[in-house]
Protein backbone atom coordinates (compact mmCIF):
# COMPACT_ATOMS: atom_id res chain seq x y z
CA MET A 1 6.97 -18.44 -20.42
CA ILE A 2 4.76 -15.98 -18.61
CA ALA A 3 4.87 -15.01 -15.19
CA PRO A 4 2.46 -16.28 -12.80
CA LEU A 5 0.04 -13.66 -11.44
CA HIS A 6 1.73 -13.46 -7.33
CA LEU A 7 -0.83 -12.45 -5.35
CA GLY A 8 -0.49 -11.25 -1.03
CA ILE A 9 -2.76 -10.14 1.44
CA ARG A 10 -2.46 -7.65 4.23
CA ALA A 11 -1.93 -9.45 7.42
CA HIS A 12 -4.44 -7.62 9.32
CA ASP A 13 -7.70 -8.29 7.31
CA PHE A 14 -7.47 -11.68 8.87
CA GLY A 15 -8.06 -10.16 11.69
CA ILE A 16 -5.79 -10.19 15.41
CA ARG A 17 -4.55 -13.67 16.11
CA PRO A 18 -1.83 -15.55 17.35
CA ILE A 19 1.09 -15.59 14.69
CA HIS A 20 1.35 -19.16 13.86
CA GLU A 21 -2.38 -18.83 13.35
CA LEU A 22 -1.94 -15.99 10.92
CA ILE A 23 0.33 -17.95 9.02
CA LYS A 24 -1.78 -20.97 8.71
CA MET A 25 -4.17 -18.79 7.34
CA ILE A 26 -1.78 -16.91 4.99
CA GLN A 27 -0.49 -20.32 4.13
CA ARG A 28 -3.69 -21.75 3.31
CA TYR A 29 -4.38 -19.35 0.63
CA LYS A 30 -1.02 -19.69 -1.00
CA PHE A 31 -0.06 -16.26 -0.38
CA SER A 32 3.52 -15.81 -1.11
CA HIS A 33 3.68 -12.28 0.28
CA ILE A 34 2.12 -9.69 2.96
CA GLN A 35 1.51 -6.25 3.84
CA PHE A 36 2.56 -6.17 7.35
CA ALA A 37 1.77 -3.35 9.53
CA VAL A 38 2.79 -4.94 13.06
CA GLN A 39 0.73 -2.34 15.23
CA LYS A 40 -2.57 -3.71 13.48
CA SER A 41 -1.87 -7.39 13.76
CA PHE A 42 -0.13 -7.40 17.39
CA PRO A 43 -1.01 -4.61 19.06
CA GLU A 44 0.06 -6.33 22.17
CA SER A 45 3.16 -6.40 20.93
CA VAL A 46 3.72 -2.52 20.12
CA PRO A 47 1.75 -0.34 22.57
CA SER A 48 2.46 2.76 20.62
CA LEU A 49 4.75 2.83 16.97
CA SER A 50 7.58 4.87 18.73
CA MET A 51 7.70 1.56 21.00
CA LEU A 52 8.78 -0.60 18.52
CA SER A 53 12.02 -2.58 19.03
CA PRO A 54 14.98 -4.51 16.82
CA GLY A 55 13.53 -7.60 18.98
CA THR A 56 10.02 -7.52 17.61
CA ALA A 57 11.15 -6.94 14.23
CA ARG A 58 13.91 -10.17 14.39
CA TYR A 59 10.50 -11.77 16.29
CA PHE A 60 7.99 -11.13 13.46
CA GLY A 61 10.84 -11.30 10.73
CA ASN A 62 12.03 -14.79 11.60
CA GLU A 63 8.75 -16.40 12.17
CA PHE A 64 7.41 -15.01 8.97
CA ARG A 65 10.77 -16.13 6.69
CA GLN A 66 11.05 -19.87 8.40
CA ALA A 67 7.29 -19.82 7.15
CA GLY A 68 8.49 -18.84 3.54
CA ILE A 69 6.60 -16.04 3.59
CA GLN A 70 8.23 -12.23 2.15
CA ILE A 71 7.36 -9.09 3.98
CA ALA A 72 6.62 -7.05 0.38
CA VAL A 73 5.33 -3.58 2.56
CA LEU A 74 6.05 -3.24 5.91
CA GLY A 75 2.70 -0.81 6.65
CA CYS A 76 3.66 2.23 8.91
CA TYR A 77 0.30 4.33 7.94
CA VAL A 78 0.87 7.42 9.79
CA ASN A 79 -0.20 11.84 9.09
CA ILE A 80 2.86 12.86 7.13
CA VAL A 81 1.09 16.42 7.10
CA ALA A 82 -0.72 16.64 10.27
CA PRO A 83 -1.43 20.56 10.96
CA ASP A 84 0.08 19.97 14.57
CA PRO A 85 3.66 20.08 14.15
CA SER A 86 4.32 17.87 17.03
CA LYS A 87 2.20 15.21 15.64
CA ARG A 88 4.03 15.17 12.33
CA THR A 89 7.11 14.82 14.30
CA GLN A 90 6.22 12.17 15.98
CA ALA A 91 4.69 10.87 12.32
CA ILE A 92 7.61 10.96 10.74
CA ALA A 93 9.92 9.76 13.39
CA ASP A 94 7.43 6.50 13.52
CA PHE A 95 8.10 6.01 10.03
CA VAL A 96 12.07 6.14 10.21
CA THR A 97 11.77 3.93 12.95
CA HIS A 98 9.91 1.82 10.58
CA LEU A 99 12.33 2.30 8.27
CA ARG A 100 15.64 1.50 10.43
CA LEU A 101 14.35 -1.98 11.46
CA ALA A 102 12.90 -2.65 7.84
CA ARG A 103 16.13 -5.21 7.20
CA ASP A 104 15.38 -6.84 10.61
CA PHE A 105 11.15 -7.42 9.47
CA GLY A 106 12.93 -9.06 6.31
CA ALA A 107 11.56 -5.95 4.25
CA SER A 108 12.75 -3.40 1.87
CA LEU A 109 10.35 -1.18 1.42
CA VAL A 110 8.07 0.88 4.20
CA GLY A 111 4.63 1.83 2.78
CA THR A 112 2.29 4.73 4.17
CA GLU A 113 -0.28 7.29 1.92
CA THR A 114 -0.09 10.72 2.88
CA GLY A 115 -3.03 11.75 5.88
CA SER A 116 -4.75 14.58 5.76
CA LEU A 117 -4.42 18.04 6.78
CA GLY A 118 -7.40 18.06 8.98
CA GLN A 119 -10.27 15.13 10.65
CA GLY A 120 -11.32 13.25 7.65
CA TYR A 121 -11.96 14.70 3.90
CA THR A 122 -11.31 18.81 3.99
CA GLU A 123 -10.69 20.79 0.80
CA ASP A 124 -7.69 22.18 2.53
CA ASN A 125 -5.59 18.35 0.72
CA PHE A 126 -6.10 19.88 -2.76
CA THR A 127 -3.98 23.08 -2.48
CA GLU A 128 -0.56 23.59 -3.56
CA GLU A 129 0.76 24.22 -0.17
CA ALA A 130 -0.87 20.70 0.86
CA PHE A 131 1.04 19.37 -1.94
CA GLN A 132 4.52 20.96 -0.49
CA GLU A 133 3.79 19.94 2.63
CA VAL A 134 3.98 16.50 1.33
CA VAL A 135 7.12 17.12 -0.56
CA THR A 136 8.36 18.54 2.81
CA SER A 137 7.60 15.37 5.00
CA VAL A 138 8.52 12.83 1.91
CA LYS A 139 12.00 14.78 1.58
CA ALA A 140 12.91 14.00 4.83
CA MET A 141 12.33 10.41 4.54
CA VAL A 142 13.66 9.57 1.73
CA ALA A 143 16.81 10.76 2.80
CA GLU A 144 16.32 8.48 5.89
CA ALA A 145 16.31 5.26 3.55
CA GLU A 146 18.86 6.03 1.56
CA ARG A 147 20.82 6.15 4.85
CA PHE A 148 19.36 2.59 5.43
CA GLY A 149 19.47 1.21 2.29
CA VAL A 150 15.91 0.75 2.33
CA THR A 151 12.51 2.43 -0.12
CA VAL A 152 9.63 4.51 0.77
CA GLY A 153 6.86 3.59 -0.88
CA ILE A 154 4.05 5.89 -1.02
CA GLU A 155 0.23 5.70 -1.68
CA ALA A 156 -1.78 7.98 -3.84
CA GLY A 157 -5.82 8.12 -2.80
CA GLN A 158 -8.77 10.61 -3.46
CA ASN A 159 -9.39 13.48 -0.53
CA HIS A 160 -5.84 13.34 0.14
CA PRO A 161 -2.96 15.48 -0.66
CA LEU A 162 -1.92 12.83 -3.05
CA TYR A 163 -4.92 12.40 -4.60
CA SER A 164 -4.17 11.65 -8.67
CA ALA A 165 -1.42 9.84 -10.88
CA PRO A 166 -0.29 13.21 -11.72
CA LEU A 167 0.32 14.88 -8.82
CA THR A 168 2.17 11.36 -8.23
CA ARG A 169 4.01 11.88 -11.02
CA ARG A 170 4.79 15.35 -10.02
CA LEU A 171 6.08 13.78 -6.85
CA LEU A 172 8.30 11.79 -8.15
CA ASP A 173 9.81 14.18 -10.27
CA VAL A 174 10.67 16.93 -7.34
CA ILE A 175 12.45 13.77 -4.91
CA PRO A 176 13.64 11.92 -8.10
CA SER A 177 15.55 9.15 -5.69
CA GLN A 178 14.98 5.49 -6.86
CA ASN A 179 14.31 4.82 -3.01
CA LEU A 180 11.14 6.53 -3.44
CA GLN A 181 8.28 3.78 -5.07
CA ILE A 182 4.69 3.75 -5.48
CA ILE A 183 2.05 1.95 -4.08
CA LEU A 184 -0.50 1.93 -6.67
CA ASP A 185 -4.07 1.06 -5.51
CA CYS A 186 -6.29 2.28 -8.73
CA ALA A 187 -9.34 1.96 -6.40
CA ASN A 188 -8.11 4.65 -4.63
CA LEU A 189 -8.27 6.77 -7.45
CA ILE A 190 -11.89 6.16 -8.12
CA SER A 191 -14.17 8.91 -6.80
CA PRO A 192 -18.38 9.20 -7.65
CA THR A 193 -17.79 11.87 -10.35
CA ASN A 194 -15.12 10.12 -12.64
CA TYR A 195 -15.51 6.33 -12.20
CA THR A 196 -17.22 5.92 -15.45
CA GLN A 197 -13.97 7.33 -16.65
CA GLN A 198 -12.17 4.62 -15.11
CA GLU A 199 -10.10 3.03 -17.75
CA ASP A 200 -8.82 6.43 -18.42
CA ILE A 201 -7.41 7.01 -15.12
CA ILE A 202 -6.29 3.30 -14.59
CA ASN A 203 -4.05 4.00 -17.74
CA GLU A 204 -3.24 7.17 -17.42
CA ALA A 205 -1.40 6.11 -13.79
CA ILE A 206 0.14 3.20 -15.13
CA GLU A 207 1.74 5.56 -18.44
CA LEU A 208 2.96 8.28 -16.05
CA LEU A 209 4.43 6.24 -12.75
CA GLY A 210 5.37 2.94 -15.16
CA ASN A 211 8.35 1.39 -13.08
CA ARG A 212 7.90 3.57 -10.59
CA ILE A 213 5.17 1.33 -9.36
CA ALA A 214 6.64 -1.21 -6.74
CA VAL A 215 3.50 -2.80 -5.34
CA ILE A 216 -0.16 -3.08 -6.79
CA HIS A 217 -2.87 -2.82 -4.52
CA LEU A 218 -6.12 -4.90 -5.41
CA LYS A 219 -9.37 -3.84 -4.28
CA ASP A 220 -13.08 -3.34 -5.60
CA PHE A 221 -15.97 -1.00 -5.28
CA LYS A 222 -19.29 0.49 -5.96
CA VAL A 223 -21.04 3.45 -5.83
CA THR A 224 -24.19 3.85 -3.99
CA ASP A 225 -25.40 6.84 -2.84
CA GLU A 226 -22.96 8.96 -4.24
CA ARG A 227 -20.20 7.57 -2.33
CA VAL A 228 -17.29 4.79 -3.31
CA HIS A 229 -17.65 1.61 -1.39
CA PHE A 230 -14.95 -1.15 -1.41
CA VAL A 231 -16.10 -4.52 -1.64
CA PRO A 232 -14.82 -8.08 -1.93
CA ILE A 233 -13.12 -8.45 -5.34
CA GLY A 234 -15.14 -9.75 -8.38
CA GLN A 235 -18.48 -7.97 -6.64
CA GLY A 236 -17.90 -4.34 -7.80
CA CYS A 237 -17.15 -2.67 -10.95
CA LEU A 238 -13.54 -1.82 -10.96
CA LYS A 239 -12.35 -2.73 -14.11
CA PHE A 240 -9.07 -5.13 -13.77
CA ALA A 241 -7.89 -6.23 -17.33
CA PRO A 242 -5.59 -3.16 -17.45
CA ILE A 243 -3.66 -3.38 -13.88
CA LEU A 244 -3.74 -7.30 -14.72
CA ARG A 245 -2.25 -6.79 -18.11
CA TYR A 246 0.49 -4.37 -16.98
CA MET A 247 1.43 -6.91 -13.92
CA LYS A 248 1.76 -9.24 -16.77
CA TYR A 249 3.23 -7.74 -19.73
CA GLN A 250 4.81 -5.11 -18.85
CA ARG A 251 5.99 -6.12 -14.83
CA PRO A 252 6.17 -9.72 -14.83
CA HIS A 253 6.57 -11.19 -11.24
CA ILE A 254 5.28 -7.51 -9.74
CA GLN A 255 3.68 -8.48 -6.00
CA GLY A 256 -0.42 -7.51 -6.15
CA ILE A 257 -1.60 -7.56 -2.36
CA ILE A 258 -5.46 -8.19 -2.20
CA GLU A 259 -7.07 -5.26 0.28
CA SER A 260 -10.46 -5.51 1.68
CA THR A 261 -11.62 -8.51 0.68
CA THR A 262 -12.81 -10.43 3.92
CA GLU A 263 -11.64 -14.29 4.69
CA GLU A 264 -15.21 -15.67 2.80
CA HIS A 265 -15.10 -13.94 -0.13
CA LEU A 266 -11.51 -14.78 -0.41
CA GLU A 267 -11.48 -17.82 -2.45
CA ALA A 268 -13.58 -16.49 -5.07
CA SER A 269 -11.60 -13.30 -5.62
CA ILE A 270 -8.68 -15.34 -5.81
CA ALA A 271 -9.62 -17.19 -8.84
CA TYR A 272 -12.07 -14.09 -10.27
CA LEU A 273 -8.04 -12.66 -10.64
CA GLN A 274 -6.62 -15.52 -11.84
CA ARG A 275 -9.32 -15.76 -14.65
CA ILE A 276 -8.75 -12.45 -16.07
CA TYR A 277 -4.86 -12.77 -15.54
CA VAL A 278 -5.10 -15.59 -17.78
CA SER A 279 -7.45 -14.10 -19.80
CA VAL A 280 -5.77 -10.88 -21.06
């Protein structure tokens, strides 16, 4: 029997709303799991990431558990390579707080991108020094994850110090702990100069990262004015077939998380993914 396609969504893509309204929205689209960045969805409950408490974690964790919704990724998107040492130290401390409280949330994986050595785009991110900064921070984070019995999920992205699948594979080789896993977002590996080779990029990522991929982000894109713009799934040019084939045959039951698709497009986008999943 072929495994079903397991789809979820980033909770904050539904905007800021009361917890019970959010749960109803998640259930309306039959999502079994979410990516939950608590400060983005409930900023009044977490004035700053450093003030996140066990009580807050248990409250939201219990609400989702009672509704039958799993937190597949506990989002803590911080700049782990911030050039200001004090800001970097705080970023890692905030991430470690999420690791410590992950079980109270009912999550086993805490996810982040790597951030940037500057404000937005900078070529400083494409150096060996930038990669080594990533290694230093991720090693510290993984050491804490091992203590708490949870997992660090790292997401690569264009213009970040971790900007390609081969570099991500190198990170896994340098830090071989199984408490380090990958959140794969193939659209994040696409640029205005490589999008015509996207199938090669997607297949390379799947081959190199293989069973170290914990979660798949699903989003679509268009290239206009020499820039990548994210659009609702099914309205862009991302080739989802190799991704869904991997999910169906190589990693049955792996969780996919829809991203950058607004509510008015969700029904059509879900149907689009399901049609491809059945056909591959």
